[in-house]
């Protein structure tokens, strides 16, 4: 498949070629977003950061990525939330 054909595939989206460039992917349903991220991670030499709206989405994404990436060498790291609300007047406990 040529690079031109890859640009139109939602499961192998275009990736940044220079520092500072960003892309947003949308219109993917179910676990197709996880498959697209897994494909991108296998073809992109840099770090891929995914921000989710909540911990349930992050946990689901983590398990789907582990499924699609298999036992490969690519790590999947989940940074848990601090369980604080934006309007709370206290900081989260360090532990």
C-alpha atoms as a PDB file:
ATOM      1  CA  UNK A   1       0.000   0.000   0.000  1.00  0.00           C
ATOM      2  CA  UNK A   2       1.391   3.413  -0.905  1.00  0.00           C
ATOM      3  CA  UNK A   3       1.603   6.386   1.427  1.00  0.00           C
ATOM      4  CA  UNK A   4      -1.160   8.096  -0.560  1.00  0.00           C
ATOM      5  CA  UNK A   5      -3.489   5.117   0.010  1.00  0.00           C
ATOM      6  CA  UNK A   6      -2.577   4.959   3.723  1.00  0.00           C
ATOM      7  CA  UNK A   7      -3.668   8.577   4.263  1.00  0.00           C
ATOM      8  CA  UNK A   8      -7.266   7.601   3.607  1.00  0.00           C
ATOM      9  CA  UNK A   9      -7.333   4.521   5.814  1.00  0.00           C
ATOM     10  CA  UNK A  10      -8.920   5.181   9.231  1.00  0.00           C
ATOM     11  CA  UNK A  11      -7.118   2.147  10.662  1.00  0.00           C
ATOM     12  CA  UNK A  12      -3.688   3.373   9.566  1.00  0.00           C
ATOM     13  CA  UNK A  13      -3.975   7.156   9.957  1.00  0.00           C
ATOM     14  CA  UNK A  14      -1.407   9.710   8.883  1.00  0.00           C
ATOM     15  CA  UNK A  15       1.227  10.399  11.543  1.00  0.00           C
ATOM     16  CA  UNK A  16       3.276  13.558  12.201  1.00  0.00           C
ATOM     17  CA  UNK A  17       6.527  13.751  10.281  1.00  0.00           C
ATOM     18  CA  UNK A  18       7.951  16.786  12.088  1.00  0.00           C
ATOM     19  CA  UNK A  19       8.059  17.994  15.701  1.00  0.00           C
ATOM     20  CA  UNK A  20       5.113  20.126  16.716  1.00  0.00           C
ATOM     21  CA  UNK A  21       2.658  18.646  14.226  1.00  0.00           C
ATOM     22  CA  UNK A  22      -0.517  17.140  15.637  1.00  0.00           C
ATOM     23  CA  UNK A  23      -3.353  15.115  14.208  1.00  0.00           C
ATOM     24  CA  UNK A  24      -6.760  14.331  15.617  1.00  0.00           C
ATOM     25  CA  UNK A  25      -8.596  11.188  14.639  1.00  0.00           C
ATOM     26  CA  UNK A  26     -12.343  10.894  14.794  1.00  0.00           C
ATOM     27  CA  UNK A  27     -15.287   8.927  13.516  1.00  0.00           C
ATOM     28  CA  UNK A  28     -14.027   5.593  14.815  1.00  0.00           C
ATOM     29  CA  UNK A  29     -16.522   3.452  16.703  1.00  0.00           C
ATOM     30  CA  UNK A  30     -16.199   0.565  19.129  1.00  0.00           C
ATOM     31  CA  UNK A  31     -12.671  -0.785  19.386  1.00  0.00           C
ATOM     32  CA  UNK A  32     -11.635   0.561  15.963  1.00  0.00           C
ATOM     33  CA  UNK A  33      -9.966   3.524  17.716  1.00  0.00           C
ATOM     34  CA  UNK A  34      -7.811   1.121  19.712  1.00  0.00           C
ATOM     35  CA  UNK A  35      -6.910  -0.763  16.534  1.00  0.00           C
ATOM     36  CA  UNK A  36      -5.914   2.492  14.822  1.00  0.00           C
ATOM     37  CA  UNK A  37      -3.761   3.495  17.819  1.00  0.00           C
ATOM     38  CA  UNK A  38      -2.119   0.047  17.881  1.00  0.00           C
ATOM     39  CA  UNK A  39      -1.355   0.270  14.136  1.00  0.00           C
ATOM     40  CA  UNK A  40       0.034   3.777  14.575  1.00  0.00           C
ATOM     41  CA  UNK A  41       2.223   2.660  17.495  1.00  0.00           C
ATOM     42  CA  UNK A  42       3.691  -0.135  15.386  1.00  0.00           C
ATOM     43  CA  UNK A  43       4.559   2.261  12.530  1.00  0.00           C
ATOM     44  CA  UNK A  44       5.578   5.391  14.449  1.00  0.00           C
ATOM     45  CA  UNK A  45       8.997   5.509  16.158  1.00  0.00           C
ATOM     46  CA  UNK A  46       7.991   8.137  18.746  1.00  0.00           C
ATOM     47  CA  UNK A  47       5.745   8.233  21.765  1.00  0.00           C
ATOM     48  CA  UNK A  48       1.984   8.215  21.281  1.00  0.00           C
ATOM     49  CA  UNK A  49      -0.098   9.894  23.976  1.00  0.00           C
ATOM     50  CA  UNK A  50      -3.816   9.210  24.238  1.00  0.00           C
ATOM     51  CA  UNK A  51      -6.047  11.267  26.544  1.00  0.00           C
ATOM     52  CA  UNK A  52      -9.367   9.725  27.590  1.00  0.00           C
ATOM     53  CA  UNK A  53     -12.358  11.404  29.245  1.00  0.00           C
ATOM     54  CA  UNK A  54     -12.432   9.107  32.279  1.00  0.00           C
ATOM     55  CA  UNK A  55     -10.769   6.130  33.985  1.00  0.00           C
ATOM     56  CA  UNK A  56     -13.266   3.620  32.575  1.00  0.00           C
ATOM     57  CA  UNK A  57     -12.324   4.669  29.032  1.00  0.00           C
ATOM     58  CA  UNK A  58      -8.619   4.532  29.909  1.00  0.00           C
ATOM     59  CA  UNK A  59      -8.921   1.037  31.365  1.00  0.00           C
ATOM     60  CA  UNK A  60     -10.905  -0.190  28.351  1.00  0.00           C
ATOM     61  CA  UNK A  61      -8.387   1.364  25.936  1.00  0.00           C
ATOM     62  CA  UNK A  62      -5.473  -0.193  27.822  1.00  0.00           C
ATOM     63  CA  UNK A  63      -6.954  -3.709  27.614  1.00  0.00           C
ATOM     64  CA  UNK A  64      -7.847  -3.287  23.922  1.00  0.00           C
ATOM     65  CA  UNK A  65      -4.334  -2.037  23.093  1.00  0.00           C
ATOM     66  CA  UNK A  66      -2.778  -4.979  24.933  1.00  0.00           C
ATOM     67  CA  UNK A  67      -5.019  -7.297  22.856  1.00  0.00           C
ATOM     68  CA  UNK A  68      -4.143  -5.693  19.496  1.00  0.00           C
ATOM     69  CA  UNK A  69      -0.429  -5.300  20.271  1.00  0.00           C
ATOM     70  CA  UNK A  70      -0.103  -8.832  21.654  1.00  0.00           C
ATOM     71  CA  UNK A  71       3.035  -9.717  23.540  1.00  0.00           C
ATOM     72  CA  UNK A  72       5.131  -7.327  21.459  1.00  0.00           C
ATOM     73  CA  UNK A  73       7.830  -4.993  22.651  1.00  0.00           C
ATOM     74  CA  UNK A  74       5.605  -1.902  22.772  1.00  0.00           C
ATOM     75  CA  UNK A  75       4.699  -0.886  26.340  1.00  0.00           C
ATOM     76  CA  UNK A  76       1.247   0.384  27.265  1.00  0.00           C
ATOM     77  CA  UNK A  77       1.347   2.636  30.309  1.00  0.00           C
ATOM     78  CA  UNK A  78      -1.764   3.866  32.087  1.00  0.00           C
ATOM     79  CA  UNK A  79      -1.473   6.978  34.260  1.00  0.00           C
ATOM     80  CA  UNK A  80      -4.396   6.806  36.728  1.00  0.00           C
ATOM     81  CA  UNK A  81      -6.321   9.912  37.661  1.00  0.00           C
ATOM     82  CA  UNK A  82      -5.924  11.594  41.037  1.00  0.00           C
ATOM     83  CA  UNK A  83      -9.632  11.313  41.796  1.00  0.00           C
ATOM     84  CA  UNK A  84     -10.094  15.039  42.379  1.00  0.00           C
ATOM     85  CA  UNK A  85     -12.672  17.321  40.873  1.00  0.00           C
ATOM     86  CA  UNK A  86     -11.678  20.656  39.306  1.00  0.00           C
ATOM     87  CA  UNK A  87     -13.586  22.614  41.945  1.00  0.00           C
ATOM     88  CA  UNK A  88     -12.208  20.756  45.011  1.00  0.00           C
ATOM     89  CA  UNK A  89     -10.383  23.018  47.472  1.00  0.00           C
ATOM     90  CA  UNK A  90      -7.821  20.411  48.520  1.00  0.00           C
ATOM     91  CA  UNK A  91      -4.951  18.646  46.810  1.00  0.00           C
ATOM     92  CA  UNK A  92      -4.858  14.881  46.348  1.00  0.00           C
ATOM     93  CA  UNK A  93      -2.971  12.796  48.877  1.00  0.00           C
ATOM     94  CA  UNK A  94       0.501  11.788  47.657  1.00  0.00           C
ATOM     95  CA  UNK A  95      -0.041   8.081  48.341  1.00  0.00           C
END
